[in-house]
Structures are given as structure tokens and as C-alpha cells.
């Protein structure tokens, strides 16, 4: 059994037009939503990812660190993967298929549209949008991450800030 948490970054700040998309920080709501979602995952969903992989884009890594803190996961254990930024479904599947099988649960932080497309493709969920700071848990009845592919997962939950 493998458990995957797909977590979209929290709301970002569009105020500074001189910043590149990659450098956009979290806005006020994003800074509030990320720890709240982390507490929800810890207290209500009992989330205990063994591995955290994040896009290095500022808004994604800040979200990952805020949530990891609430899950009592040291931020030093967060692995950054540039390939997640602007990733296609195939890129994301390559990352997931490459996870070491010693890990039974992983949480990945990144971006739309790739995350929404991936969730719809690899699970039985009918998800048309993962909103900012949204997370879905997908369980797979498999022994190896290499076996994750189209429609192999079952959605366990899909949460986002307004519904927690």
C-alpha cells in the first residue's frame, strides 16, 4: 500500500510585478491557510508523510515548510525538485515512479494545472480543480511507486481551506 498526498501551494502574492512567477511569495491569506491546513492534516486526517517533495518555487516551498512544521516534520527533510515547477502529468508521474519504495507515504507540493490533471488521471476522483492550498490523498494498492499509473489510485479525501 502506498499513500500519496498531492498538495497545491497556498495563495500567492501578485503585488510585485517585477518578480518572476517562480519568485512570487505567499500572500496574507496563503500565510494563514498553510498552517491551518497543516493543523487540519495533523489533527483530523492523521497525515504522516514519510517523504516530502516540493517545487522550489517560493510559494510552494513556503507552503511545504509551513505544513511540515504542523506535521512535526523537520524542514530539513523536505526535498526540492525543480521538475515539479511547470510539470506535465508525465513529469509528475516520473517523479512519483522514482520514489524509493522504502517510503510508503509521500507528500508532493506543486502547481496547477499539472496537479489537477494528475489527480484526475491516477485516481478514481472526479476533480476538476485543486484550489490553492488544496490537498488530496490517494491510496494505491501496490508495492512499488513504479506501479502508479492511470486509474490505479482511490481518493481518500480532498480538502481545501474553505471546507476545513
Foldseek 3Di string as FASTA:
>chain_A
DAKEKEWEFAAWDPPDVPDDQLATARDPRRVVFLLVVLLCCVPVVVDDFPAEEEANRRRQLVSVCSSCVSNVHHSVRYHYDNCQEVHALVSVLVVQQPDDLVTRYYYYYHHPPRSQVNPVFQAPDPGPDQDHRKMWMWDAPDRGSNPGGGHRTYTPDIDGVVVD
